[in-house]
């Protein structure tokens, strides 16, 4: 039997708390609001494309900004808790964070 250090116990407790976030009603509302925000950004960008009042370069910059914004928003709110849940389930709380995050803009 291995002894769990106070530091490991603390990390495990924090990971457990983070892993439970997706089941919290307020967190579910937050994720819905994030999706509404993504859809609003997408519609705004499409309207700008259709209005033809921005240069192709400006549209590309806006699309890149929006994509980065959505990826950052999703990483902080969705990917971190999912990663914590996987770590708790596997028991390996010292696993390194994944590298590249999947682009789920569209």
C-alpha atoms as a PDB file:
ATOM      1  CA  UNK A   1       0.000   0.000   0.000  1.00  0.00           C
ATOM      2  CA  UNK A   2       1.368   3.414  -0.959  1.00  0.00           C
ATOM      3  CA  UNK A   3       1.152   6.416   1.293  1.00  0.00           C
ATOM      4  CA  UNK A   4      -0.435   9.540  -0.141  1.00  0.00           C
ATOM      5  CA  UNK A   5       1.445  12.709   0.711  1.00  0.00           C
ATOM      6  CA  UNK A   6      -0.425  15.843   1.809  1.00  0.00           C
ATOM      7  CA  UNK A   7       0.554  17.473  -1.504  1.00  0.00           C
ATOM      8  CA  UNK A   8      -0.876  14.567  -3.509  1.00  0.00           C
ATOM      9  CA  UNK A   9      -4.036  14.631  -1.398  1.00  0.00           C
ATOM     10  CA  UNK A  10      -4.391  18.354  -2.092  1.00  0.00           C
ATOM     11  CA  UNK A  11      -3.859  17.902  -5.842  1.00  0.00           C
ATOM     12  CA  UNK A  12      -6.329  14.996  -5.898  1.00  0.00           C
ATOM     13  CA  UNK A  13      -8.947  17.070  -4.022  1.00  0.00           C
ATOM     14  CA  UNK A  14      -8.524  20.021  -6.388  1.00  0.00           C
ATOM     15  CA  UNK A  15      -8.746  17.752  -9.439  1.00  0.00           C
ATOM     16  CA  UNK A  16     -11.900  16.138  -8.015  1.00  0.00           C
ATOM     17  CA  UNK A  17     -13.497  19.562  -7.532  1.00  0.00           C
ATOM     18  CA  UNK A  18     -12.615  20.677 -11.044  1.00  0.00           C
ATOM     19  CA  UNK A  19     -13.849  17.364 -12.465  1.00  0.00           C
ATOM     20  CA  UNK A  20     -17.281  17.888 -10.878  1.00  0.00           C
ATOM     21  CA  UNK A  21     -17.791  21.282 -12.563  1.00  0.00           C
ATOM     22  CA  UNK A  22     -19.579  19.917 -15.662  1.00  0.00           C
ATOM     23  CA  UNK A  23     -22.363  18.575 -13.417  1.00  0.00           C
ATOM     24  CA  UNK A  24     -22.979  21.946 -11.725  1.00  0.00           C
ATOM     25  CA  UNK A  25     -26.052  23.738 -13.122  1.00  0.00           C
ATOM     26  CA  UNK A  26     -24.323  27.122 -13.218  1.00  0.00           C
ATOM     27  CA  UNK A  27     -21.427  25.619 -15.163  1.00  0.00           C
ATOM     28  CA  UNK A  28     -23.864  24.116 -17.671  1.00  0.00           C
ATOM     29  CA  UNK A  29     -25.435  27.548 -18.124  1.00  0.00           C
ATOM     30  CA  UNK A  30     -21.968  29.018 -18.665  1.00  0.00           C
ATOM     31  CA  UNK A  31     -21.180  26.493 -21.400  1.00  0.00           C
ATOM     32  CA  UNK A  32     -24.514  27.264 -23.098  1.00  0.00           C
ATOM     33  CA  UNK A  33     -23.703  30.985 -22.991  1.00  0.00           C
ATOM     34  CA  UNK A  34     -20.290  30.277 -24.502  1.00  0.00           C
ATOM     35  CA  UNK A  35     -21.964  28.491 -27.405  1.00  0.00           C
ATOM     36  CA  UNK A  36     -24.379  31.410 -27.872  1.00  0.00           C
ATOM     37  CA  UNK A  37     -21.367  33.772 -27.898  1.00  0.00           C
ATOM     38  CA  UNK A  38     -19.624  31.628 -30.528  1.00  0.00           C
ATOM     39  CA  UNK A  39     -22.756  31.602 -32.693  1.00  0.00           C
ATOM     40  CA  UNK A  40     -23.160  35.392 -32.382  1.00  0.00           C
ATOM     41  CA  UNK A  41     -19.523  35.900 -33.377  1.00  0.00           C
ATOM     42  CA  UNK A  42     -19.972  33.560 -36.329  1.00  0.00           C
ATOM     43  CA  UNK A  43     -23.124  35.374 -37.519  1.00  0.00           C
ATOM     44  CA  UNK A  44     -21.427  38.757 -37.133  1.00  0.00           C
ATOM     45  CA  UNK A  45     -18.470  37.607 -39.214  1.00  0.00           C
ATOM     46  CA  UNK A  46     -20.769  36.187 -41.899  1.00  0.00           C
ATOM     47  CA  UNK A  47     -22.683  39.477 -41.998  1.00  0.00           C
ATOM     48  CA  UNK A  48     -19.406  41.347 -42.485  1.00  0.00           C
ATOM     49  CA  UNK A  49     -18.456  39.027 -45.330  1.00  0.00           C
ATOM     50  CA  UNK A  50     -21.830  39.536 -47.006  1.00  0.00           C
ATOM     51  CA  UNK A  51     -21.772  43.315 -46.483  1.00  0.00           C
ATOM     52  CA  UNK A  52     -18.481  43.519 -48.383  1.00  0.00           C
ATOM     53  CA  UNK A  53     -17.450  46.573 -46.361  1.00  0.00           C
ATOM     54  CA  UNK A  54     -14.204  45.029 -45.092  1.00  0.00           C
ATOM     55  CA  UNK A  55     -11.129  44.041 -47.044  1.00  0.00           C
ATOM     56  CA  UNK A  56     -10.262  40.360 -47.370  1.00  0.00           C
ATOM     57  CA  UNK A  57      -7.256  40.954 -45.139  1.00  0.00           C
ATOM     58  CA  UNK A  58      -9.372  42.594 -42.431  1.00  0.00           C
ATOM     59  CA  UNK A  59     -11.897  39.757 -42.618  1.00  0.00           C
ATOM     60  CA  UNK A  60      -9.099  37.202 -42.268  1.00  0.00           C
ATOM     61  CA  UNK A  61      -7.709  39.030 -39.218  1.00  0.00           C
ATOM     62  CA  UNK A  62     -11.185  39.092 -37.662  1.00  0.00           C
ATOM     63  CA  UNK A  63     -11.723  35.384 -38.396  1.00  0.00           C
ATOM     64  CA  UNK A  64      -8.334  34.547 -36.846  1.00  0.00           C
ATOM     65  CA  UNK A  65      -9.117  36.665 -33.791  1.00  0.00           C
ATOM     66  CA  UNK A  66     -12.550  35.063 -33.372  1.00  0.00           C
ATOM     67  CA  UNK A  67     -11.117  31.557 -33.771  1.00  0.00           C
ATOM     68  CA  UNK A  68      -8.457  32.265 -31.138  1.00  0.00           C
ATOM     69  CA  UNK A  69     -10.978  33.827 -28.783  1.00  0.00           C
ATOM     70  CA  UNK A  70     -13.314  30.833 -29.011  1.00  0.00           C
ATOM     71  CA  UNK A  71     -10.431  28.357 -28.620  1.00  0.00           C
ATOM     72  CA  UNK A  72      -9.217  30.170 -25.493  1.00  0.00           C
ATOM     73  CA  UNK A  73     -12.715  30.385 -24.068  1.00  0.00           C
ATOM     74  CA  UNK A  74     -13.290  26.666 -24.626  1.00  0.00           C
ATOM     75  CA  UNK A  75      -9.877  25.654 -23.329  1.00  0.00           C
ATOM     76  CA  UNK A  76     -10.306  27.455 -20.028  1.00  0.00           C
ATOM     77  CA  UNK A  77     -13.885  26.417 -19.385  1.00  0.00           C
ATOM     78  CA  UNK A  78     -14.225  23.006 -21.052  1.00  0.00           C
ATOM     79  CA  UNK A  79     -10.841  21.426 -21.687  1.00  0.00           C
ATOM     80  CA  UNK A  80      -9.337  22.051 -18.239  1.00  0.00           C
ATOM     81  CA  UNK A  81     -12.212  20.339 -16.347  1.00  0.00           C
ATOM     82  CA  UNK A  82     -12.267  17.460 -18.857  1.00  0.00           C
ATOM     83  CA  UNK A  83      -8.534  16.980 -18.440  1.00  0.00           C
ATOM     84  CA  UNK A  84      -8.919  17.013 -14.646  1.00  0.00           C
ATOM     85  CA  UNK A  85     -11.706  14.424 -14.873  1.00  0.00           C
ATOM     86  CA  UNK A  86      -9.494  12.162 -17.006  1.00  0.00           C
ATOM     87  CA  UNK A  87      -6.643  12.522 -14.524  1.00  0.00           C
ATOM     88  CA  UNK A  88      -8.885  11.683 -11.584  1.00  0.00           C
ATOM     89  CA  UNK A  89     -10.317   8.671 -13.427  1.00  0.00           C
ATOM     90  CA  UNK A  90      -6.878   7.377 -14.390  1.00  0.00           C
ATOM     91  CA  UNK A  91      -5.336   8.141 -11.001  1.00  0.00           C
ATOM     92  CA  UNK A  92      -2.358   9.831 -12.676  1.00  0.00           C
ATOM     93  CA  UNK A  93      -2.528  13.399 -11.417  1.00  0.00           C
ATOM     94  CA  UNK A  94       1.028  14.210 -12.514  1.00  0.00           C
ATOM     95  CA  UNK A  95       0.374  13.667 -16.210  1.00  0.00           C
ATOM     96  CA  UNK A  96       1.481  16.551 -18.446  1.00  0.00           C
ATOM     97  CA  UNK A  97      -1.144  18.728 -20.099  1.00  0.00           C
ATOM     98  CA  UNK A  98      -1.963  17.869 -23.718  1.00  0.00           C
ATOM     99  CA  UNK A  99      -0.175  19.928 -26.344  1.00  0.00           C
ATOM    100  CA  UNK A 100      -2.295  21.254 -29.167  1.00  0.00           C
ATOM    101  CA  UNK A 101      -6.016  21.765 -28.575  1.00  0.00           C
ATOM    102  CA  UNK A 102      -8.362  20.628 -31.336  1.00  0.00           C
ATOM    103  CA  UNK A 103      -9.785  23.504 -33.406  1.00  0.00           C
ATOM    104  CA  UNK A 104     -13.568  23.247 -32.990  1.00  0.00           C
ATOM    105  CA  UNK A 105     -14.450  26.677 -34.352  1.00  0.00           C
ATOM    106  CA  UNK A 106     -16.964  25.412 -36.872  1.00  0.00           C
END
